[in-house]
């Protein structure tokens, strides 16, 4: 459970005044160390989130590039298949003419 900013300030202000309040038998040092640990963890989490945001932006750019390449490849494959079909038809026609004139 994260402590609110006001609660953290109260803990530190009480220590500075020299009259720390006891909470459920805990020592003020324990509370301060837990607050410090939580603050450190929050800083690390913020930096991790920022890194993840950068990574996500890079992934989006990569996906856009991949989509662009695949879109171009679709048109290229269609053209290649059309050319291969036309070449096969011309070859079949030449073989048919050859069989008619130079067949048996």
C-alpha atoms as a PDB file:
ATOM      1  CA  UNK A   1       0.000   0.000   0.000  1.00  0.00           C
ATOM      2  CA  UNK A   2       1.448   3.342  -1.018  1.00  0.00           C
ATOM      3  CA  UNK A   3       1.436   6.224   1.418  1.00  0.00           C
ATOM      4  CA  UNK A   4       0.043   9.579   0.448  1.00  0.00           C
ATOM      5  CA  UNK A   5       2.383  12.546   0.161  1.00  0.00           C
ATOM      6  CA  UNK A   6       0.875  14.246   3.228  1.00  0.00           C
ATOM      7  CA  UNK A   7       1.412  11.149   5.369  1.00  0.00           C
ATOM      8  CA  UNK A   8       5.052  10.941   4.323  1.00  0.00           C
ATOM      9  CA  UNK A   9       5.571  14.628   5.086  1.00  0.00           C
ATOM     10  CA  UNK A  10       3.956  14.222   8.531  1.00  0.00           C
ATOM     11  CA  UNK A  11       6.346  11.377   9.352  1.00  0.00           C
ATOM     12  CA  UNK A  12       9.388  13.392   8.366  1.00  0.00           C
ATOM     13  CA  UNK A  13       8.122  16.578  10.055  1.00  0.00           C
ATOM     14  CA  UNK A  14       7.500  14.687  13.313  1.00  0.00           C
ATOM     15  CA  UNK A  15      11.043  13.348  13.285  1.00  0.00           C
ATOM     16  CA  UNK A  16      12.469  16.833  12.718  1.00  0.00           C
ATOM     17  CA  UNK A  17      10.460  18.191  15.649  1.00  0.00           C
ATOM     18  CA  UNK A  18      11.894  15.524  17.908  1.00  0.00           C
ATOM     19  CA  UNK A  19       8.591  13.994  18.982  1.00  0.00           C
ATOM     20  CA  UNK A  20       7.863  11.031  16.748  1.00  0.00           C
ATOM     21  CA  UNK A  21       4.492   9.365  17.134  1.00  0.00           C
ATOM     22  CA  UNK A  22       4.380   5.667  17.714  1.00  0.00           C
ATOM     23  CA  UNK A  23       2.181   3.700  15.383  1.00  0.00           C
ATOM     24  CA  UNK A  24       1.182   0.230  16.432  1.00  0.00           C
ATOM     25  CA  UNK A  25       4.498  -0.318  18.141  1.00  0.00           C
ATOM     26  CA  UNK A  26       6.619   0.369  15.087  1.00  0.00           C
ATOM     27  CA  UNK A  27       9.782   2.323  15.361  1.00  0.00           C
ATOM     28  CA  UNK A  28       9.978   5.560  13.327  1.00  0.00           C
ATOM     29  CA  UNK A  29      13.166   4.318  11.697  1.00  0.00           C
ATOM     30  CA  UNK A  30      11.348   1.279  10.311  1.00  0.00           C
ATOM     31  CA  UNK A  31       8.612   3.458   8.858  1.00  0.00           C
ATOM     32  CA  UNK A  32      11.105   5.854   7.312  1.00  0.00           C
ATOM     33  CA  UNK A  33      13.062   3.019   5.771  1.00  0.00           C
ATOM     34  CA  UNK A  34       9.892   1.513   4.324  1.00  0.00           C
ATOM     35  CA  UNK A  35       8.914   4.893   2.884  1.00  0.00           C
ATOM     36  CA  UNK A  36      12.373   5.259   1.363  1.00  0.00           C
ATOM     37  CA  UNK A  37      12.182   1.773  -0.126  1.00  0.00           C
ATOM     38  CA  UNK A  38       8.738   2.476  -1.591  1.00  0.00           C
ATOM     39  CA  UNK A  39       9.929   5.790  -3.017  1.00  0.00           C
ATOM     40  CA  UNK A  40      12.878   4.032  -4.646  1.00  0.00           C
ATOM     41  CA  UNK A  41      10.609   1.340  -6.072  1.00  0.00           C
ATOM     42  CA  UNK A  42       8.289   3.998  -7.499  1.00  0.00           C
ATOM     43  CA  UNK A  43      11.227   5.729  -9.213  1.00  0.00           C
ATOM     44  CA  UNK A  44      12.288   2.434 -10.764  1.00  0.00           C
ATOM     45  CA  UNK A  45       8.750   1.713 -11.905  1.00  0.00           C
ATOM     46  CA  UNK A  46       8.487   5.143 -13.531  1.00  0.00           C
ATOM     47  CA  UNK A  47      11.756   4.615 -15.398  1.00  0.00           C
ATOM     48  CA  UNK A  48      10.621   1.139 -16.490  1.00  0.00           C
ATOM     49  CA  UNK A  49       7.326   2.543 -17.784  1.00  0.00           C
ATOM     50  CA  UNK A  50       9.175   5.229 -19.753  1.00  0.00           C
ATOM     51  CA  UNK A  51      11.448   2.593 -21.303  1.00  0.00           C
ATOM     52  CA  UNK A  52       8.408   0.495 -22.197  1.00  0.00           C
ATOM     53  CA  UNK A  53       6.767   3.503 -23.868  1.00  0.00           C
ATOM     54  CA  UNK A  54       9.872   4.017 -26.009  1.00  0.00           C
ATOM     55  CA  UNK A  55       9.959   0.308 -26.888  1.00  0.00           C
ATOM     56  CA  UNK A  56       6.285   0.344 -27.862  1.00  0.00           C
ATOM     57  CA  UNK A  57       6.859   3.322 -30.180  1.00  0.00           C
ATOM     58  CA  UNK A  58       9.764   1.474 -31.833  1.00  0.00           C
ATOM     59  CA  UNK A  59       7.595  -1.628 -32.245  1.00  0.00           C
ATOM     60  CA  UNK A  60       4.822   0.449 -33.847  1.00  0.00           C
ATOM     61  CA  UNK A  61       7.314   1.911 -36.329  1.00  0.00           C
ATOM     62  CA  UNK A  62       8.660  -1.558 -37.123  1.00  0.00           C
ATOM     63  CA  UNK A  63       5.145  -2.905 -37.682  1.00  0.00           C
ATOM     64  CA  UNK A  64       4.372  -0.019 -40.030  1.00  0.00           C
ATOM     65  CA  UNK A  65       7.540  -0.791 -42.014  1.00  0.00           C
ATOM     66  CA  UNK A  66       6.663  -4.498 -42.164  1.00  0.00           C
ATOM     67  CA  UNK A  67       3.137  -3.660 -43.323  1.00  0.00           C
ATOM     68  CA  UNK A  68       4.538  -1.433 -46.060  1.00  0.00           C
ATOM     69  CA  UNK A  69       6.918  -4.149 -47.289  1.00  0.00           C
ATOM     70  CA  UNK A  70       4.177  -6.773 -47.271  1.00  0.00           C
ATOM     71  CA  UNK A  71       1.831  -4.486 -49.198  1.00  0.00           C
ATOM     72  CA  UNK A  72       4.487  -3.983 -51.846  1.00  0.00           C
ATOM     73  CA  UNK A  73       5.209  -7.714 -51.939  1.00  0.00           C
ATOM     74  CA  UNK A  74       1.534  -8.529 -52.570  1.00  0.00           C
ATOM     75  CA  UNK A  75       1.539  -6.432 -55.730  1.00  0.00           C
ATOM     76  CA  UNK A  76       4.901  -7.876 -56.769  1.00  0.00           C
ATOM     77  CA  UNK A  77       3.668 -11.448 -56.397  1.00  0.00           C
ATOM     78  CA  UNK A  78       0.566 -10.702 -58.427  1.00  0.00           C
ATOM     79  CA  UNK A  79       2.682  -9.263 -61.230  1.00  0.00           C
ATOM     80  CA  UNK A  80       5.088 -12.201 -61.096  1.00  0.00           C
ATOM     81  CA  UNK A  81       2.243 -14.717 -61.282  1.00  0.00           C
ATOM     82  CA  UNK A  82       0.656 -12.844 -64.201  1.00  0.00           C
ATOM     83  CA  UNK A  83       3.985 -12.855 -66.086  1.00  0.00           C
ATOM     84  CA  UNK A  84       4.518 -16.565 -65.352  1.00  0.00           C
ATOM     85  CA  UNK A  85       1.003 -17.383 -66.587  1.00  0.00           C
ATOM     86  CA  UNK A  86       1.492 -15.364 -69.763  1.00  0.00           C
ATOM     87  CA  UNK A  87       4.869 -17.046 -70.395  1.00  0.00           C
ATOM     88  CA  UNK A  88       3.316 -20.469 -69.932  1.00  0.00           C
ATOM     89  CA  UNK A  89       0.508 -19.627 -72.377  1.00  0.00           C
ATOM     90  CA  UNK A  90       3.000 -18.433 -75.019  1.00  0.00           C
ATOM     91  CA  UNK A  91       5.126 -21.566 -74.545  1.00  0.00           C
ATOM     92  CA  UNK A  92       2.077 -23.806 -74.880  1.00  0.00           C
ATOM     93  CA  UNK A  93       1.039 -21.982 -78.077  1.00  0.00           C
ATOM     94  CA  UNK A  94       4.540 -22.402 -79.600  1.00  0.00           C
ATOM     95  CA  UNK A  95       4.568 -26.114 -78.772  1.00  0.00           C
ATOM     96  CA  UNK A  96       1.101 -26.500 -80.325  1.00  0.00           C
ATOM     97  CA  UNK A  97       2.242 -24.802 -83.582  1.00  0.00           C
ATOM     98  CA  UNK A  98       5.374 -26.967 -83.640  1.00  0.00           C
ATOM     99  CA  UNK A  99       3.279 -30.111 -83.305  1.00  0.00           C
ATOM    100  CA  UNK A 100       0.992 -29.023 -86.134  1.00  0.00           C
ATOM    101  CA  UNK A 101       3.765 -28.221 -88.639  1.00  0.00           C
ATOM    102  CA  UNK A 102       6.576 -30.528 -87.590  1.00  0.00           C
ATOM    103  CA  UNK A 103       4.654 -33.244 -85.840  1.00  0.00           C
ATOM    104  CA  UNK A 104       4.531 -36.856 -87.059  1.00  0.00           C
END
